[in-house]
Amino acid sequence: MCRNVGLVDRAVRVIAGSMLVLWAVAVLGLLDADLGGVLAVAAGLLLMITGVLGFCPAYVPLRLSTCEREGR
C-alpha cells in the first residue's frame, strides 16, 4: 500500500475526524443510537484512519496524491 496522503492532509484528517467524533457523541446522541450520531462517528473514524495510515482509497481511482514528490 503506497501512501497518497501528505503530512498536512493527514493532520487535517486526524483533527477533523476527532472533532467530528466528539461532536457526534456530545450533540448528536451517539449514546442514544441516533442515526445521525452513528454516521458522524463513522465518518470521523474513517477520516482518522486514513490520516493515521496515510492512505485514502478514494484518491486511487482519481489518481490523486497530496504527498510531496521525492527528490524535491
N, C-alpha and C. Protein backbone atom coordinates (compact mmCIF):
# COMPACT_ATOMS: atom_id res chain seq x y z
N MET A 1 0.85 -1.17 0.00
CA MET A 1 0.00 0.00 0.00
C MET A 1 0.90 1.24 0.00
N CYS A 2 0.79 2.03 -1.03
CA CYS A 2 1.58 3.24 -1.17
C CYS A 2 0.84 4.41 -0.53
N ARG A 3 1.56 5.25 0.13
CA ARG A 3 0.92 6.42 0.75
C ARG A 3 0.54 7.44 -0.31
N ASN A 4 -0.63 8.04 -0.14
CA ASN A 4 -1.06 9.07 -1.07
C ASN A 4 -1.65 10.28 -0.34
N VAL A 5 -1.45 10.33 0.97
CA VAL A 5 -1.94 11.45 1.78
C VAL A 5 -0.75 12.11 2.43
N GLY A 6 -0.55 13.40 2.12
CA GLY A 6 0.59 14.14 2.64
C GLY A 6 0.44 14.54 4.09
N LEU A 7 1.48 15.14 4.64
CA LEU A 7 1.55 15.47 6.06
C LEU A 7 0.45 16.44 6.49
N VAL A 8 0.25 17.51 5.74
CA VAL A 8 -0.79 18.49 6.11
C VAL A 8 -2.17 17.86 6.00
N ASP A 9 -2.40 17.13 4.92
CA ASP A 9 -3.67 16.43 4.72
C ASP A 9 -3.93 15.45 5.85
N ARG A 10 -2.90 14.74 6.27
CA ARG A 10 -3.04 13.77 7.37
C ARG A 10 -3.43 14.48 8.66
N ALA A 11 -2.76 15.58 8.97
CA ALA A 11 -3.06 16.32 10.20
C ALA A 11 -4.49 16.85 10.19
N VAL A 12 -4.91 17.39 9.06
CA VAL A 12 -6.28 17.91 8.94
C VAL A 12 -7.29 16.79 9.11
N ARG A 13 -7.03 15.64 8.53
CA ARG A 13 -7.94 14.50 8.65
C ARG A 13 -8.07 14.03 10.09
N VAL A 14 -6.95 13.91 10.79
CA VAL A 14 -6.99 13.43 12.18
C VAL A 14 -7.70 14.44 13.07
N ILE A 15 -7.41 15.71 12.91
CA ILE A 15 -8.06 16.74 13.74
C ILE A 15 -9.55 16.83 13.43
N ALA A 16 -9.90 16.87 12.14
CA ALA A 16 -11.31 16.97 11.75
C ALA A 16 -12.08 15.71 12.19
N GLY A 17 -11.48 14.56 12.03
CA GLY A 17 -12.12 13.32 12.43
C GLY A 17 -12.36 13.27 13.93
N SER A 18 -11.37 13.69 14.70
CA SER A 18 -11.52 13.73 16.16
C SER A 18 -12.63 14.68 16.58
N MET A 19 -12.67 15.85 15.96
CA MET A 19 -13.71 16.82 16.29
C MET A 19 -15.09 16.30 15.91
N LEU A 20 -15.19 15.61 14.80
CA LEU A 20 -16.46 15.06 14.35
C LEU A 20 -16.96 13.98 15.31
N VAL A 21 -16.06 13.13 15.77
CA VAL A 21 -16.45 12.09 16.73
C VAL A 21 -16.90 12.73 18.04
N LEU A 22 -16.15 13.69 18.54
CA LEU A 22 -16.53 14.37 19.78
C LEU A 22 -17.86 15.08 19.65
N TRP A 23 -18.08 15.73 18.52
CA TRP A 23 -19.34 16.43 18.28
C TRP A 23 -20.51 15.45 18.22
N ALA A 24 -20.29 14.33 17.59
CA ALA A 24 -21.34 13.32 17.47
C ALA A 24 -21.72 12.77 18.83
N VAL A 25 -20.73 12.51 19.66
CA VAL A 25 -21.01 11.97 20.99
C VAL A 25 -21.71 13.01 21.85
N ALA A 26 -21.25 14.26 21.78
CA ALA A 26 -21.78 15.31 22.65
C ALA A 26 -23.13 15.85 22.19
N VAL A 27 -23.32 15.99 20.88
CA VAL A 27 -24.50 16.71 20.38
C VAL A 27 -25.51 15.80 19.69
N LEU A 28 -25.05 14.89 18.86
CA LEU A 28 -25.97 14.14 18.02
C LEU A 28 -26.55 12.89 18.66
N GLY A 29 -26.15 12.57 19.84
CA GLY A 29 -26.77 11.46 20.55
C GLY A 29 -26.31 10.09 20.12
N LEU A 30 -25.01 9.92 19.96
CA LEU A 30 -24.49 8.60 19.62
C LEU A 30 -24.87 7.60 20.71
N LEU A 31 -24.83 8.05 21.94
CA LEU A 31 -25.12 7.14 23.05
C LEU A 31 -26.58 6.68 23.03
N ASP A 32 -27.45 7.43 22.36
CA ASP A 32 -28.85 7.04 22.21
C ASP A 32 -29.09 6.26 20.92
N ALA A 33 -28.02 5.91 20.23
CA ALA A 33 -28.06 5.18 18.95
C ALA A 33 -28.83 5.94 17.88
N ASP A 34 -28.70 7.27 17.89
CA ASP A 34 -29.30 8.11 16.87
C ASP A 34 -28.53 7.92 15.56
N LEU A 35 -29.24 7.79 14.45
CA LEU A 35 -28.60 7.52 13.16
C LEU A 35 -27.60 8.60 12.78
N GLY A 36 -27.93 9.85 13.01
CA GLY A 36 -27.01 10.94 12.68
C GLY A 36 -25.71 10.83 13.46
N GLY A 37 -25.81 10.48 14.73
CA GLY A 37 -24.62 10.33 15.55
C GLY A 37 -23.75 9.17 15.10
N VAL A 38 -24.39 8.08 14.75
CA VAL A 38 -23.65 6.90 14.29
C VAL A 38 -22.93 7.20 12.97
N LEU A 39 -23.61 7.86 12.05
CA LEU A 39 -22.99 8.20 10.77
C LEU A 39 -21.85 9.20 10.94
N ALA A 40 -22.03 10.16 11.84
CA ALA A 40 -20.97 11.14 12.09
C ALA A 40 -19.74 10.48 12.69
N VAL A 41 -19.95 9.55 13.61
CA VAL A 41 -18.82 8.83 14.20
C VAL A 41 -18.13 7.98 13.14
N ALA A 42 -18.89 7.32 12.28
CA ALA A 42 -18.30 6.51 11.22
C ALA A 42 -17.45 7.37 10.29
N ALA A 43 -17.95 8.54 9.91
CA ALA A 43 -17.20 9.44 9.05
C ALA A 43 -15.95 9.95 9.75
N GLY A 44 -16.07 10.29 11.03
CA GLY A 44 -14.92 10.76 11.80
C GLY A 44 -13.86 9.69 11.93
N LEU A 45 -14.28 8.46 12.20
CA LEU A 45 -13.32 7.36 12.31
C LEU A 45 -12.63 7.09 10.98
N LEU A 46 -13.38 7.18 9.89
CA LEU A 46 -12.80 6.99 8.56
C LEU A 46 -11.73 8.05 8.29
N LEU A 47 -12.04 9.30 8.63
CA LEU A 47 -11.04 10.36 8.45
C LEU A 47 -9.80 10.10 9.28
N MET A 48 -9.99 9.71 10.54
CA MET A 48 -8.84 9.46 11.41
C MET A 48 -8.00 8.28 10.92
N ILE A 49 -8.65 7.22 10.48
CA ILE A 49 -7.91 6.04 10.00
C ILE A 49 -7.10 6.37 8.75
N THR A 50 -7.72 7.07 7.80
CA THR A 50 -6.98 7.42 6.58
C THR A 50 -5.85 8.40 6.90
N GLY A 51 -6.05 9.26 7.89
CA GLY A 51 -4.99 10.17 8.29
C GLY A 51 -3.83 9.45 8.94
N VAL A 52 -4.12 8.52 9.81
CA VAL A 52 -3.06 7.77 10.50
C VAL A 52 -2.31 6.87 9.53
N LEU A 53 -3.02 6.19 8.66
CA LEU A 53 -2.38 5.28 7.71
C LEU A 53 -1.66 6.01 6.57
N GLY A 54 -2.13 7.23 6.25
CA GLY A 54 -1.53 7.96 5.14
C GLY A 54 -1.99 7.47 3.79
N PHE A 55 -3.11 6.77 3.76
CA PHE A 55 -3.63 6.21 2.51
C PHE A 55 -5.13 6.46 2.44
N CYS A 56 -5.58 7.00 1.31
CA CYS A 56 -7.00 7.23 1.08
C CYS A 56 -7.44 6.45 -0.16
N PRO A 57 -8.30 5.44 0.03
CA PRO A 57 -8.75 4.64 -1.12
C PRO A 57 -9.49 5.46 -2.17
N ALA A 58 -10.14 6.53 -1.77
CA ALA A 58 -10.87 7.37 -2.72
C ALA A 58 -9.93 8.12 -3.67
N TYR A 59 -8.68 8.32 -3.26
CA TYR A 59 -7.71 9.01 -4.11
C TYR A 59 -7.22 8.12 -5.25
N VAL A 60 -7.28 6.80 -5.09
CA VAL A 60 -6.70 5.87 -6.07
C VAL A 60 -7.37 5.98 -7.44
N PRO A 61 -8.70 5.81 -7.56
CA PRO A 61 -9.29 5.89 -8.90
C PRO A 61 -9.19 7.29 -9.51
N LEU A 62 -9.05 8.30 -8.66
CA LEU A 62 -8.92 9.67 -9.15
C LEU A 62 -7.46 10.05 -9.44
N ARG A 63 -6.55 9.14 -9.10
CA ARG A 63 -5.11 9.34 -9.28
C ARG A 63 -4.63 10.62 -8.60
N LEU A 64 -5.10 10.84 -7.38
CA LEU A 64 -4.71 11.99 -6.60
C LEU A 64 -3.68 11.60 -5.56
N SER A 65 -2.87 12.55 -5.17
CA SER A 65 -1.92 12.36 -4.09
C SER A 65 -1.57 13.74 -3.54
N THR A 66 -1.51 13.83 -2.22
CA THR A 66 -1.10 15.08 -1.59
C THR A 66 0.29 14.94 -0.98
N CYS A 67 0.96 13.83 -1.28
CA CYS A 67 2.34 13.62 -0.80
C CYS A 67 3.29 14.47 -1.61
N GLU A 68 4.35 14.89 -0.94
CA GLU A 68 5.42 15.61 -1.63
C GLU A 68 6.16 14.61 -2.51
N ARG A 69 6.56 15.05 -3.65
CA ARG A 69 7.36 14.19 -4.52
C ARG A 69 8.75 14.04 -3.94
N GLU A 70 9.28 12.82 -4.02
CA GLU A 70 10.63 12.57 -3.53
C GLU A 70 11.62 13.21 -4.50
N GLY A 71 12.69 13.74 -3.95
CA GLY A 71 13.70 14.38 -4.77
C GLY A 71 13.52 15.86 -4.88
N ARG A 72 12.55 16.43 -4.21
CA ARG A 72 12.34 17.87 -4.25
C ARG A 72 13.17 18.55 -3.21
